[in-house]
Amino acid sequence: MVRTVVFDVGETLIDESRIWLGWAARLGVPPLTFLGVLGGCAALDLPHGDAFEMLRPGLDLEAEIARWAREDPDGLRNGFDADDLYPDVRPALTALREAGFDVVIAGNQPPEARAALEAMDLPASAIRTSDEWGVQKPEPGFFARVAELSGVAPEEIAYVGDRLDNDVLPAADAGMRPILLRRGPWGYLHALRPEAARATVIDSLAELPEVLAARAA
């Protein structure tokens, strides 16, 4: 029986559209071109960082992020805030808590993402990022940290994410119940793959309370 539900961040809780469109503007690339190349990375199982190299060969991404921060120190830049939450997030997390589930947020994010999420006052008992743990998905060590943070056995944890490679398959290998959210470019593409059969596939976080209750019954 699942007791803890753990959520990925990007394209699970956070709509990254504004972030990617901001990068397109920053690099002087038409929005459709940037998003199309990003979708190509998803389809070809390439890291999303490869999109930057394709569009701006030789770009030092870390240096560009630092430059952007100097130019716009008070802006969101490539960060996010509550306006970027998907509409179903807060109601779904609240419903899970009311149904007796513990709710945790843990994903591949820089350290500042934790502060941004905590500022949203979401109904979660804990929020952690890969950078503060020093290990990223899909490494088994990340999911070991998730289990340690949750304080329950892996089989009592549901991990919800939008990707097979980073979320569903390593969570399943760790003994957790994987849930694939058909959201964002990776989510829609990965839901079509045979490996998606290892997960419960949902189209909205609003489905989670009923899905988890049905499994428990």
N, C-alpha and C. Protein backbone atom coordinates (compact mmCIF):
# COMPACT_ATOMS: atom_id res chain seq x y z
N MET A 1 0.84 -1.19 0.00
CA MET A 1 0.00 0.00 0.00
C MET A 1 0.88 1.25 0.00
N VAL A 2 0.56 2.21 -0.87
CA VAL A 2 1.33 3.45 -0.95
C VAL A 2 0.98 4.36 0.23
N ARG A 3 2.02 4.86 0.89
CA ARG A 3 1.82 5.80 2.00
C ARG A 3 2.36 7.18 1.67
N THR A 4 3.37 7.25 0.78
CA THR A 4 4.00 8.52 0.44
C THR A 4 3.99 8.71 -1.08
N VAL A 5 3.62 9.90 -1.53
CA VAL A 5 3.62 10.23 -2.95
C VAL A 5 4.69 11.30 -3.18
N VAL A 6 5.65 10.98 -4.03
CA VAL A 6 6.78 11.87 -4.28
C VAL A 6 6.68 12.40 -5.71
N PHE A 7 6.89 13.70 -5.86
CA PHE A 7 6.70 14.35 -7.16
C PHE A 7 8.01 14.90 -7.72
N ASP A 8 8.20 14.65 -9.00
CA ASP A 8 9.18 15.37 -9.81
C ASP A 8 8.73 16.83 -9.89
N VAL A 9 9.56 17.70 -10.47
CA VAL A 9 9.24 19.13 -10.51
C VAL A 9 8.88 19.60 -11.93
N GLY A 10 9.90 19.68 -12.81
CA GLY A 10 9.67 20.22 -14.14
C GLY A 10 8.70 19.39 -14.96
N GLU A 11 7.68 20.02 -15.51
CA GLU A 11 6.63 19.41 -16.32
C GLU A 11 5.82 18.35 -15.57
N THR A 12 5.99 18.30 -14.26
CA THR A 12 5.10 17.53 -13.39
C THR A 12 4.30 18.51 -12.53
N LEU A 13 5.03 19.37 -11.83
CA LEU A 13 4.39 20.43 -11.06
C LEU A 13 4.47 21.78 -11.78
N ILE A 14 5.61 22.01 -12.44
CA ILE A 14 5.89 23.31 -13.04
C ILE A 14 5.77 23.26 -14.56
N ASP A 15 4.96 24.16 -15.10
CA ASP A 15 4.86 24.38 -16.54
C ASP A 15 6.09 25.17 -16.96
N GLU A 16 6.97 24.56 -17.75
CA GLU A 16 8.23 25.19 -18.12
C GLU A 16 8.14 26.04 -19.39
N SER A 17 6.94 26.27 -19.89
CA SER A 17 6.78 27.02 -21.14
C SER A 17 7.45 28.39 -21.07
N ARG A 18 7.19 29.13 -19.99
CA ARG A 18 7.76 30.47 -19.88
C ARG A 18 9.28 30.42 -19.86
N ILE A 19 9.83 29.42 -19.17
CA ILE A 19 11.29 29.30 -19.07
C ILE A 19 11.90 29.09 -20.45
N TRP A 20 11.33 28.15 -21.22
CA TRP A 20 11.89 27.85 -22.53
C TRP A 20 11.70 29.00 -23.51
N LEU A 21 10.56 29.67 -23.43
CA LEU A 21 10.36 30.83 -24.30
C LEU A 21 11.29 31.97 -23.91
N GLY A 22 11.60 32.07 -22.63
CA GLY A 22 12.57 33.06 -22.18
C GLY A 22 13.95 32.78 -22.75
N TRP A 23 14.32 31.51 -22.80
CA TRP A 23 15.61 31.15 -23.40
C TRP A 23 15.62 31.44 -24.90
N ALA A 24 14.52 31.17 -25.57
CA ALA A 24 14.46 31.46 -27.00
C ALA A 24 14.70 32.95 -27.25
N ALA A 25 14.05 33.79 -26.45
CA ALA A 25 14.24 35.23 -26.59
C ALA A 25 15.67 35.62 -26.24
N ARG A 26 16.20 35.03 -25.20
CA ARG A 26 17.55 35.35 -24.77
C ARG A 26 18.57 35.04 -25.86
N LEU A 27 18.39 33.93 -26.54
CA LEU A 27 19.34 33.50 -27.57
C LEU A 27 19.01 34.04 -28.95
N GLY A 28 17.88 34.75 -29.07
CA GLY A 28 17.50 35.30 -30.37
C GLY A 28 17.05 34.24 -31.35
N VAL A 29 16.40 33.20 -30.84
CA VAL A 29 15.93 32.09 -31.67
C VAL A 29 14.40 32.14 -31.72
N PRO A 30 13.78 31.96 -32.90
CA PRO A 30 12.31 31.94 -32.94
C PRO A 30 11.75 30.89 -31.98
N PRO A 31 10.67 31.21 -31.28
CA PRO A 31 10.11 30.27 -30.30
C PRO A 31 9.83 28.89 -30.86
N LEU A 32 9.24 28.82 -32.05
CA LEU A 32 8.92 27.52 -32.63
C LEU A 32 10.19 26.71 -32.89
N THR A 33 11.24 27.38 -33.34
CA THR A 33 12.51 26.69 -33.58
C THR A 33 13.07 26.11 -32.30
N PHE A 34 13.10 26.93 -31.26
CA PHE A 34 13.65 26.46 -29.99
C PHE A 34 12.84 25.28 -29.45
N LEU A 35 11.52 25.43 -29.44
CA LEU A 35 10.67 24.37 -28.90
C LEU A 35 10.72 23.12 -29.77
N GLY A 36 10.85 23.30 -31.09
CA GLY A 36 10.95 22.15 -31.98
C GLY A 36 12.22 21.36 -31.75
N VAL A 37 13.33 22.07 -31.57
CA VAL A 37 14.61 21.39 -31.30
C VAL A 37 14.55 20.69 -29.94
N LEU A 38 13.94 21.34 -28.96
CA LEU A 38 13.78 20.73 -27.65
C LEU A 38 12.96 19.45 -27.75
N GLY A 39 11.88 19.50 -28.53
CA GLY A 39 11.07 18.30 -28.74
C GLY A 39 11.86 17.21 -29.45
N GLY A 40 12.75 17.62 -30.37
CA GLY A 40 13.61 16.63 -31.03
C GLY A 40 14.53 15.94 -30.04
N CYS A 41 15.03 16.69 -29.07
CA CYS A 41 15.87 16.08 -28.03
C CYS A 41 15.07 15.05 -27.25
N ALA A 42 13.82 15.38 -26.94
CA ALA A 42 12.97 14.44 -26.22
C ALA A 42 12.75 13.17 -27.03
N ALA A 43 12.50 13.33 -28.33
CA ALA A 43 12.22 12.18 -29.18
C ALA A 43 13.46 11.30 -29.38
N LEU A 44 14.64 11.92 -29.39
CA LEU A 44 15.88 11.19 -29.66
C LEU A 44 16.62 10.78 -28.40
N ASP A 45 16.01 11.00 -27.24
CA ASP A 45 16.62 10.66 -25.95
C ASP A 45 17.95 11.39 -25.73
N LEU A 46 17.97 12.66 -26.15
CA LEU A 46 19.13 13.50 -25.91
C LEU A 46 18.87 14.41 -24.72
N PRO A 47 19.89 14.77 -23.97
CA PRO A 47 19.70 15.72 -22.87
C PRO A 47 19.17 17.04 -23.40
N HIS A 48 18.31 17.71 -22.62
CA HIS A 48 17.76 18.96 -23.12
C HIS A 48 18.83 20.00 -23.34
N GLY A 49 19.97 19.86 -22.65
CA GLY A 49 21.07 20.80 -22.86
C GLY A 49 21.63 20.75 -24.27
N ASP A 50 21.42 19.64 -24.96
CA ASP A 50 21.91 19.54 -26.34
C ASP A 50 21.22 20.54 -27.25
N ALA A 51 19.99 20.96 -26.90
CA ALA A 51 19.28 21.95 -27.72
C ALA A 51 20.07 23.25 -27.82
N PHE A 52 20.71 23.64 -26.72
CA PHE A 52 21.49 24.87 -26.73
C PHE A 52 22.69 24.75 -27.67
N GLU A 53 23.35 23.61 -27.64
CA GLU A 53 24.52 23.41 -28.50
C GLU A 53 24.11 23.37 -29.96
N MET A 54 22.96 22.76 -30.27
CA MET A 54 22.51 22.72 -31.66
C MET A 54 22.22 24.11 -32.20
N LEU A 55 21.59 24.93 -31.35
CA LEU A 55 21.15 26.25 -31.80
C LEU A 55 22.24 27.31 -31.70
N ARG A 56 23.11 27.17 -30.73
CA ARG A 56 24.21 28.12 -30.54
C ARG A 56 25.49 27.33 -30.25
N PRO A 57 26.08 26.74 -31.29
CA PRO A 57 27.28 25.92 -31.09
C PRO A 57 28.36 26.68 -30.32
N GLY A 58 28.92 26.00 -29.34
CA GLY A 58 29.99 26.61 -28.55
C GLY A 58 29.50 27.46 -27.40
N LEU A 59 28.19 27.58 -27.21
CA LEU A 59 27.67 28.39 -26.12
C LEU A 59 28.11 27.82 -24.77
N ASP A 60 28.66 28.69 -23.92
CA ASP A 60 28.98 28.31 -22.55
C ASP A 60 27.73 28.61 -21.73
N LEU A 61 26.94 27.57 -21.49
CA LEU A 61 25.64 27.76 -20.87
C LEU A 61 25.75 28.32 -19.46
N GLU A 62 26.68 27.81 -18.67
CA GLU A 62 26.84 28.31 -17.30
C GLU A 62 27.24 29.78 -17.30
N ALA A 63 28.13 30.16 -18.22
CA ALA A 63 28.54 31.56 -18.30
C ALA A 63 27.36 32.44 -18.74
N GLU A 64 26.51 31.92 -19.63
CA GLU A 64 25.35 32.68 -20.08
C GLU A 64 24.34 32.86 -18.94
N ILE A 65 24.16 31.82 -18.13
CA ILE A 65 23.26 31.92 -16.98
C ILE A 65 23.78 32.98 -16.01
N ALA A 66 25.09 32.98 -15.77
CA ALA A 66 25.68 33.97 -14.87
C ALA A 66 25.54 35.38 -15.43
N ARG A 67 25.73 35.53 -16.74
CA ARG A 67 25.59 36.84 -17.39
C ARG A 67 24.16 37.34 -17.27
N TRP A 68 23.21 36.44 -17.48
CA TRP A 68 21.79 36.78 -17.38
C TRP A 68 21.46 37.26 -15.96
N ALA A 69 22.03 36.59 -14.97
CA ALA A 69 21.79 36.96 -13.58
C ALA A 69 22.33 38.36 -13.28
N ARG A 70 23.48 38.68 -13.85
CA ARG A 70 24.04 40.02 -13.63
C ARG A 70 23.18 41.10 -14.29
N GLU A 71 22.66 40.78 -15.46
CA GLU A 71 21.88 41.76 -16.20
C GLU A 71 20.48 41.95 -15.62
N ASP A 72 19.92 40.90 -15.03
CA ASP A 72 18.55 40.95 -14.52
C ASP A 72 18.50 40.29 -13.14
N PRO A 73 19.16 40.89 -12.15
CA PRO A 73 19.30 40.22 -10.85
C PRO A 73 17.98 39.99 -10.12
N ASP A 74 16.96 40.78 -10.41
CA ASP A 74 15.69 40.64 -9.70
C ASP A 74 14.64 39.87 -10.49
N GLY A 75 14.97 39.45 -11.71
CA GLY A 75 14.00 38.73 -12.54
C GLY A 75 14.03 37.23 -12.29
N LEU A 76 13.04 36.54 -12.83
CA LEU A 76 12.99 35.09 -12.69
C LEU A 76 14.02 34.41 -13.59
N ARG A 77 14.30 35.03 -14.73
CA ARG A 77 15.23 34.48 -15.70
C ARG A 77 14.84 33.03 -16.05
N ASN A 78 15.70 32.05 -15.72
CA ASN A 78 15.37 30.65 -16.01
C ASN A 78 14.85 29.93 -14.77
N GLY A 79 14.32 30.70 -13.82
CA GLY A 79 13.69 30.12 -12.64
C GLY A 79 12.18 30.09 -12.81
N PHE A 80 11.48 29.84 -11.70
CA PHE A 80 10.01 29.75 -11.77
C PHE A 80 9.43 30.26 -10.47
N ASP A 81 8.12 30.54 -10.51
CA ASP A 81 7.40 30.92 -9.30
C ASP A 81 6.00 30.31 -9.34
N ALA A 82 5.13 30.72 -8.44
CA ALA A 82 3.81 30.11 -8.33
C ALA A 82 2.97 30.27 -9.58
N ASP A 83 3.24 31.30 -10.37
CA ASP A 83 2.48 31.48 -11.61
C ASP A 83 2.74 30.37 -12.62
N ASP A 84 3.83 29.63 -12.42
CA ASP A 84 4.19 28.55 -13.35
C ASP A 84 3.65 27.19 -12.92
N LEU A 85 2.98 27.13 -11.78
CA LEU A 85 2.38 25.86 -11.36
C LEU A 85 1.27 25.46 -12.33
N TYR A 86 1.20 24.17 -12.63
CA TYR A 86 0.05 23.68 -13.40
C TYR A 86 -1.20 23.79 -12.52
N PRO A 87 -2.36 24.06 -13.11
CA PRO A 87 -3.57 24.31 -12.32
C PRO A 87 -4.00 23.16 -11.42
N ASP A 88 -3.64 21.94 -11.77
CA ASP A 88 -4.10 20.80 -10.97
C ASP A 88 -3.21 20.50 -9.77
N VAL A 89 -2.08 21.21 -9.64
CA VAL A 89 -1.10 20.85 -8.61
C VAL A 89 -1.62 21.04 -7.20
N ARG A 90 -2.00 22.26 -6.86
CA ARG A 90 -2.39 22.53 -5.48
C ARG A 90 -3.62 21.71 -5.06
N PRO A 91 -4.68 21.64 -5.91
CA PRO A 91 -5.82 20.81 -5.52
C PRO A 91 -5.47 19.33 -5.35
N ALA A 92 -4.62 18.81 -6.23
CA ALA A 92 -4.26 17.39 -6.15
C ALA A 92 -3.44 17.09 -4.90
N LEU A 93 -2.46 17.93 -4.60
CA LEU A 93 -1.64 17.71 -3.42
C LEU A 93 -2.47 17.83 -2.15
N THR A 94 -3.39 18.78 -2.15
CA THR A 94 -4.28 18.94 -1.00
C THR A 94 -5.16 17.71 -0.82
N ALA A 95 -5.71 17.20 -1.92
CA ALA A 95 -6.57 16.02 -1.85
C ALA A 95 -5.79 14.80 -1.34
N LEU A 96 -4.55 14.67 -1.76
CA LEU A 96 -3.73 13.56 -1.29
C LEU A 96 -3.48 13.65 0.21
N ARG A 97 -3.17 14.84 0.68
CA ARG A 97 -2.94 15.02 2.12
C ARG A 97 -4.21 14.70 2.90
N GLU A 98 -5.35 15.16 2.40
CA GLU A 98 -6.62 14.90 3.09
C GLU A 98 -6.98 13.42 3.08
N ALA A 99 -6.48 12.70 2.06
CA ALA A 99 -6.73 11.26 1.99
C ALA A 99 -5.76 10.45 2.85
N GLY A 100 -4.83 11.14 3.50
CA GLY A 100 -3.92 10.46 4.42
C GLY A 100 -2.54 10.15 3.86
N PHE A 101 -2.24 10.58 2.64
CA PHE A 101 -0.93 10.34 2.05
C PHE A 101 0.06 11.43 2.48
N ASP A 102 1.30 11.04 2.69
CA ASP A 102 2.35 12.03 2.86
C ASP A 102 2.75 12.50 1.45
N VAL A 103 3.07 13.77 1.32
CA VAL A 103 3.43 14.36 0.02
C VAL A 103 4.83 14.93 0.10
N VAL A 104 5.69 14.53 -0.83
CA VAL A 104 7.09 14.97 -0.88
C VAL A 104 7.39 15.44 -2.30
N ILE A 105 8.24 16.45 -2.42
CA ILE A 105 8.68 16.93 -3.73
C ILE A 105 10.19 16.74 -3.81
N ALA A 106 10.66 16.04 -4.85
CA ALA A 106 12.10 15.79 -5.01
C ALA A 106 12.40 15.58 -6.49
N GLY A 107 13.23 16.46 -7.06
CA GLY A 107 13.54 16.34 -8.49
C GLY A 107 14.92 16.87 -8.80
N ASN A 108 15.29 16.74 -10.07
CA ASN A 108 16.57 17.27 -10.55
C ASN A 108 16.44 18.78 -10.72
N GLN A 109 16.90 19.52 -9.75
CA GLN A 109 16.77 20.97 -9.76
C GLN A 109 17.98 21.61 -9.08
N PRO A 110 18.29 22.87 -9.46
CA PRO A 110 19.34 23.60 -8.75
C PRO A 110 18.89 23.99 -7.35
N PRO A 111 19.81 24.40 -6.48
CA PRO A 111 19.45 24.69 -5.09
C PRO A 111 18.36 25.74 -4.93
N GLU A 112 18.38 26.77 -5.80
CA GLU A 112 17.40 27.86 -5.65
C GLU A 112 15.96 27.39 -5.90
N ALA A 113 15.79 26.25 -6.56
CA ALA A 113 14.44 25.74 -6.82
C ALA A 113 13.73 25.38 -5.52
N ARG A 114 14.47 24.92 -4.52
CA ARG A 114 13.82 24.56 -3.26
C ARG A 114 13.18 25.79 -2.62
N ALA A 115 13.89 26.90 -2.61
CA ALA A 115 13.34 28.13 -2.04
C ALA A 115 12.11 28.59 -2.82
N ALA A 116 12.17 28.46 -4.15
CA ALA A 116 11.04 28.87 -4.98
C ALA A 116 9.82 28.03 -4.68
N LEU A 117 10.01 26.72 -4.50
CA LEU A 117 8.89 25.83 -4.19
C LEU A 117 8.36 26.07 -2.78
N GLU A 118 9.26 26.27 -1.84
CA GLU A 118 8.83 26.51 -0.47
C GLU A 118 8.02 27.80 -0.36
N ALA A 119 8.35 28.80 -1.19
CA ALA A 119 7.62 30.06 -1.17
C ALA A 119 6.18 29.91 -1.65
N MET A 120 5.88 28.81 -2.33
CA MET A 120 4.52 28.58 -2.83
C MET A 120 3.59 28.03 -1.76
N ASP A 121 4.14 27.63 -0.62
CA ASP A 121 3.35 27.09 0.48
C ASP A 121 2.49 25.91 0.01
N LEU A 122 3.12 24.99 -0.69
CA LEU A 122 2.41 23.80 -1.15
C LEU A 122 2.20 22.82 0.00
N PRO A 123 1.16 22.00 -0.06
CA PRO A 123 0.91 21.03 1.01
C PRO A 123 1.84 19.82 0.89
N ALA A 124 3.13 20.05 1.14
CA ALA A 124 4.14 18.98 1.09
C ALA A 124 4.93 18.99 2.39
N SER A 125 5.27 17.81 2.87
CA SER A 125 6.00 17.72 4.13
C SER A 125 7.49 17.97 3.95
N ALA A 126 8.00 17.78 2.72
CA ALA A 126 9.43 17.98 2.48
C ALA A 126 9.66 18.31 1.01
N ILE A 127 10.67 19.14 0.76
CA ILE A 127 11.08 19.51 -0.60
C ILE A 127 12.59 19.40 -0.67
N ARG A 128 13.11 18.65 -1.64
CA ARG A 128 14.54 18.50 -1.80
C ARG A 128 14.91 18.58 -3.29
N THR A 129 16.18 18.91 -3.56
CA THR A 129 16.66 18.98 -4.94
C THR A 129 17.89 18.10 -5.11
N SER A 130 18.14 17.71 -6.33
CA SER A 130 19.30 16.87 -6.63
C SER A 130 20.61 17.55 -6.27
N ASP A 131 20.68 18.86 -6.49
CA ASP A 131 21.94 19.57 -6.23
C ASP A 131 22.30 19.54 -4.74
N GLU A 132 21.31 19.66 -3.86
CA GLU A 132 21.64 19.62 -2.44
C GLU A 132 21.98 18.21 -1.99
N TRP A 133 21.46 17.20 -2.68
CA TRP A 133 21.81 15.82 -2.35
C TRP A 133 23.11 15.38 -2.99
N GLY A 134 23.50 16.06 -4.06
CA GLY A 134 24.73 15.67 -4.76
C GLY A 134 24.57 14.44 -5.62
N VAL A 135 23.34 14.10 -5.98
CA VAL A 135 23.09 12.96 -6.87
C VAL A 135 21.82 13.24 -7.66
N GLN A 136 21.84 12.89 -8.94
CA GLN A 136 20.72 13.20 -9.82
C GLN A 136 20.03 11.94 -10.31
N LYS A 137 18.75 12.08 -10.61
CA LYS A 137 18.05 11.02 -11.35
C LYS A 137 18.74 10.87 -12.70
N PRO A 138 18.84 9.68 -13.22
CA PRO A 138 18.22 8.43 -12.76
C PRO A 138 19.10 7.57 -11.85
N GLU A 139 20.12 8.15 -11.24
CA GLU A 139 21.03 7.36 -10.40
C GLU A 139 20.26 6.70 -9.25
N PRO A 140 20.55 5.44 -8.96
CA PRO A 140 19.87 4.76 -7.84
C PRO A 140 20.01 5.51 -6.52
N GLY A 141 21.14 6.21 -6.35
CA GLY A 141 21.36 6.95 -5.12
C GLY A 141 20.32 8.02 -4.88
N PHE A 142 19.78 8.60 -5.94
CA PHE A 142 18.73 9.61 -5.78
C PHE A 142 17.50 8.97 -5.15
N PHE A 143 17.11 7.82 -5.65
CA PHE A 143 15.91 7.16 -5.16
C PHE A 143 16.12 6.58 -3.76
N ALA A 144 17.36 6.24 -3.44
CA ALA A 144 17.68 5.83 -2.07
C ALA A 144 17.47 7.01 -1.13
N ARG A 145 17.86 8.21 -1.56
CA ARG A 145 17.65 9.40 -0.74
C ARG A 145 16.17 9.70 -0.60
N VAL A 146 15.40 9.47 -1.66
CA VAL A 146 13.94 9.66 -1.59
C VAL A 146 13.34 8.76 -0.53
N ALA A 147 13.74 7.50 -0.53
CA ALA A 147 13.22 6.55 0.45
C ALA A 147 13.63 6.95 1.87
N GLU A 148 14.88 7.38 2.01
CA GLU A 148 15.37 7.82 3.33
C GLU A 148 14.57 9.02 3.82
N LEU A 149 14.33 9.97 2.93
CA LEU A 149 13.58 11.17 3.31
C LEU A 149 12.14 10.82 3.67
N SER A 150 11.56 9.90 2.92
CA SER A 150 10.16 9.53 3.14
C SER A 150 9.97 8.75 4.43
N GLY A 151 10.98 7.99 4.82
CA GLY A 151 10.90 7.23 6.06
C GLY A 151 10.04 6.00 5.98
N VAL A 152 9.75 5.54 4.75
CA VAL A 152 8.96 4.32 4.58
C VAL A 152 9.68 3.43 3.57
N ALA A 153 9.23 2.19 3.46
CA ALA A 153 9.84 1.26 2.52
C ALA A 153 9.59 1.70 1.09
N PRO A 154 10.49 1.39 0.15
CA PRO A 154 10.29 1.80 -1.25
C PRO A 154 8.95 1.37 -1.83
N GLU A 155 8.47 0.19 -1.45
CA GLU A 155 7.20 -0.29 -2.01
C GLU A 155 6.01 0.50 -1.49
N GLU A 156 6.23 1.36 -0.50
CA GLU A 156 5.17 2.21 0.02
C GLU A 156 5.23 3.63 -0.55
N ILE A 157 6.07 3.80 -1.59
CA ILE A 157 6.26 5.11 -2.20
C ILE A 157 5.80 5.08 -3.65
N ALA A 158 5.02 6.06 -4.06
CA ALA A 158 4.70 6.28 -5.48
C ALA A 158 5.52 7.46 -5.95
N TYR A 159 6.26 7.27 -7.05
CA TYR A 159 7.03 8.39 -7.62
C TYR A 159 6.34 8.84 -8.90
N VAL A 160 6.00 10.13 -8.97
CA VAL A 160 5.25 10.69 -10.09
C VAL A 160 6.16 11.58 -10.91
N GLY A 161 6.27 11.28 -12.21
CA GLY A 161 7.11 12.10 -13.08
C GLY A 161 6.65 12.01 -14.52
N ASP A 162 7.29 12.82 -15.37
CA ASP A 162 6.88 12.91 -16.77
C ASP A 162 7.82 12.18 -17.72
N ARG A 163 8.80 11.45 -17.18
CA ARG A 163 9.77 10.79 -18.05
C ARG A 163 9.98 9.34 -17.64
N LEU A 164 10.15 8.48 -18.66
CA LEU A 164 10.50 7.10 -18.38
C LEU A 164 11.93 6.99 -17.87
N ASP A 165 12.86 7.65 -18.56
CA ASP A 165 14.27 7.46 -18.26
C ASP A 165 14.68 8.01 -16.90
N ASN A 166 14.17 9.18 -16.54
CA ASN A 166 14.57 9.80 -15.29
C ASN A 166 13.69 9.43 -14.10
N ASP A 167 12.43 9.10 -14.37
CA ASP A 167 11.45 8.95 -13.30
C ASP A 167 10.93 7.52 -13.16
N VAL A 168 10.20 7.07 -14.18
CA VAL A 168 9.44 5.83 -14.08
C VAL A 168 10.34 4.59 -13.94
N LEU A 169 11.26 4.41 -14.85
CA LEU A 169 12.04 3.17 -14.84
C LEU A 169 12.97 3.07 -13.63
N PRO A 170 13.72 4.13 -13.29
CA PRO A 170 14.56 4.00 -12.08
C PRO A 170 13.75 3.90 -10.80
N ALA A 171 12.58 4.54 -10.74
CA ALA A 171 11.73 4.39 -9.55
C ALA A 171 11.24 2.95 -9.43
N ALA A 172 10.83 2.36 -10.56
CA ALA A 172 10.39 0.97 -10.55
C ALA A 172 11.53 0.04 -10.13
N ASP A 173 12.73 0.31 -10.66
CA ASP A 173 13.89 -0.52 -10.30
C ASP A 173 14.23 -0.40 -8.82
N ALA A 174 13.88 0.75 -8.22
CA ALA A 174 14.13 0.96 -6.79
C ALA A 174 13.06 0.34 -5.92
N GLY A 175 12.04 -0.26 -6.55
CA GLY A 175 10.98 -0.91 -5.80
C GLY A 175 9.78 -0.04 -5.53
N MET A 176 9.77 1.17 -6.09
CA MET A 176 8.66 2.09 -5.88
C MET A 176 7.57 1.89 -6.92
N ARG A 177 6.42 2.46 -6.68
CA ARG A 177 5.35 2.41 -7.66
C ARG A 177 5.49 3.61 -8.60
N PRO A 178 5.79 3.38 -9.87
CA PRO A 178 6.00 4.49 -10.80
C PRO A 178 4.69 4.96 -11.43
N ILE A 179 4.54 6.25 -11.52
CA ILE A 179 3.38 6.85 -12.17
C ILE A 179 3.87 7.84 -13.21
N LEU A 180 3.50 7.61 -14.45
CA LEU A 180 3.93 8.46 -15.56
C LEU A 180 2.82 9.46 -15.88
N LEU A 181 3.15 10.73 -15.79
CA LEU A 181 2.21 11.80 -16.11
C LEU A 181 2.39 12.19 -17.57
N ARG A 182 1.33 12.05 -18.34
CA ARG A 182 1.38 12.39 -19.76
C ARG A 182 1.25 13.92 -19.88
N ARG A 183 2.40 14.59 -19.72
CA ARG A 183 2.45 16.05 -19.69
C ARG A 183 3.83 16.49 -20.17
N GLY A 184 3.87 17.55 -20.98
CA GLY A 184 5.15 18.00 -21.51
C GLY A 184 5.62 17.10 -22.64
N PRO A 185 6.63 17.52 -23.40
CA PRO A 185 7.07 16.73 -24.56
C PRO A 185 7.53 15.33 -24.21
N TRP A 186 8.29 15.19 -23.11
CA TRP A 186 8.76 13.85 -22.73
C TRP A 186 7.58 12.98 -22.31
N GLY A 187 6.65 13.54 -21.58
CA GLY A 187 5.52 12.75 -21.09
C GLY A 187 4.68 12.16 -22.20
N TYR A 188 4.36 12.97 -23.20
CA TYR A 188 3.54 12.47 -24.30
C TYR A 188 4.30 11.45 -25.14
N LEU A 189 5.57 11.71 -25.40
CA LEU A 189 6.36 10.77 -26.21
C LEU A 189 6.61 9.46 -25.45
N HIS A 190 6.96 9.56 -24.19
CA HIS A 190 7.30 8.36 -23.43
C HIS A 190 6.09 7.49 -23.13
N ALA A 191 4.91 8.09 -23.08
CA ALA A 191 3.71 7.30 -22.82
C ALA A 191 3.41 6.33 -23.96
N LEU A 192 3.98 6.57 -25.14
CA LEU A 192 3.76 5.71 -26.30
C LEU A 192 4.72 4.52 -26.34
N ARG A 193 5.72 4.52 -25.50
CA ARG A 193 6.75 3.49 -25.56
C ARG A 193 6.33 2.24 -24.77
N PRO A 194 6.81 1.08 -25.20
CA PRO A 194 6.42 -0.16 -24.52
C PRO A 194 6.77 -0.16 -23.03
N GLU A 195 7.86 0.52 -22.66
CA GLU A 195 8.27 0.53 -21.26
C GLU A 195 7.27 1.22 -20.35
N ALA A 196 6.38 2.02 -20.95
CA ALA A 196 5.37 2.71 -20.14
C ALA A 196 4.43 1.72 -19.47
N ALA A 197 4.43 0.48 -19.94
CA ALA A 197 3.59 -0.55 -19.32
C ALA A 197 4.03 -0.85 -17.89
N ARG A 198 5.24 -0.46 -17.53
CA ARG A 198 5.70 -0.68 -16.16
C ARG A 198 5.10 0.33 -15.18
N ALA A 199 4.43 1.34 -15.72
CA ALA A 199 3.91 2.41 -14.87
C ALA A 199 2.40 2.53 -14.99
N THR A 200 1.81 3.24 -14.05
CA THR A 200 0.44 3.70 -14.19
C THR A 200 0.50 5.03 -14.91
N VAL A 201 -0.19 5.16 -16.03
CA VAL A 201 -0.15 6.39 -16.83
C VAL A 201 -1.39 7.22 -16.53
N ILE A 202 -1.17 8.50 -16.22
CA ILE A 202 -2.28 9.40 -15.92
C ILE A 202 -2.16 10.65 -16.79
N ASP A 203 -3.26 11.35 -16.96
CA ASP A 203 -3.28 12.58 -17.75
C ASP A 203 -3.38 13.83 -16.89
N SER A 204 -3.66 13.67 -15.61
CA SER A 204 -3.78 14.80 -14.70
C SER A 204 -3.45 14.34 -13.29
N LEU A 205 -2.87 15.22 -12.51
CA LEU A 205 -2.60 14.90 -11.12
C LEU A 205 -3.89 14.70 -10.33
N ALA A 206 -4.98 15.25 -10.84
CA ALA A 206 -6.27 15.08 -10.17
C ALA A 206 -6.70 13.62 -10.10
N GLU A 207 -6.13 12.76 -10.95
CA GLU A 207 -6.48 11.35 -10.95
C GLU A 207 -5.82 10.58 -9.80
N LEU A 208 -4.80 11.15 -9.18
CA LEU A 208 -4.00 10.39 -8.24
C LEU A 208 -4.74 9.84 -7.03
N PRO A 209 -5.55 10.64 -6.34
CA PRO A 209 -6.22 10.08 -5.16
C PRO A 209 -7.03 8.83 -5.48
N GLU A 210 -7.78 8.88 -6.58
CA GLU A 210 -8.61 7.73 -6.96
C GLU A 210 -7.74 6.55 -7.40
N VAL A 211 -6.69 6.83 -8.18
CA VAL A 211 -5.80 5.77 -8.65
C VAL A 211 -5.14 5.05 -7.49
N LEU A 212 -4.64 5.81 -6.52
CA LEU A 212 -3.96 5.20 -5.39
C LEU A 212 -4.93 4.48 -4.46
N ALA A 213 -6.14 5.04 -4.31
CA ALA A 213 -7.14 4.39 -3.48
C ALA A 213 -7.58 3.08 -4.09
N ALA A 214 -7.72 3.05 -5.42
CA ALA A 214 -8.13 1.84 -6.11
C ALA A 214 -7.08 0.75 -5.96
N ARG A 215 -5.82 1.12 -6.04
CA ARG A 215 -4.75 0.14 -5.90
C ARG A 215 -4.74 -0.43 -4.48
N ALA A 216 -4.98 0.44 -3.49
CA ALA A 216 -4.99 -0.03 -2.10
C ALA A 216 -6.14 -1.01 -1.87
N ALA A 217 -7.30 -0.71 -2.50
CA ALA A 217 -8.46 -1.59 -2.34
C ALA A 217 -8.21 -2.94 -3.00
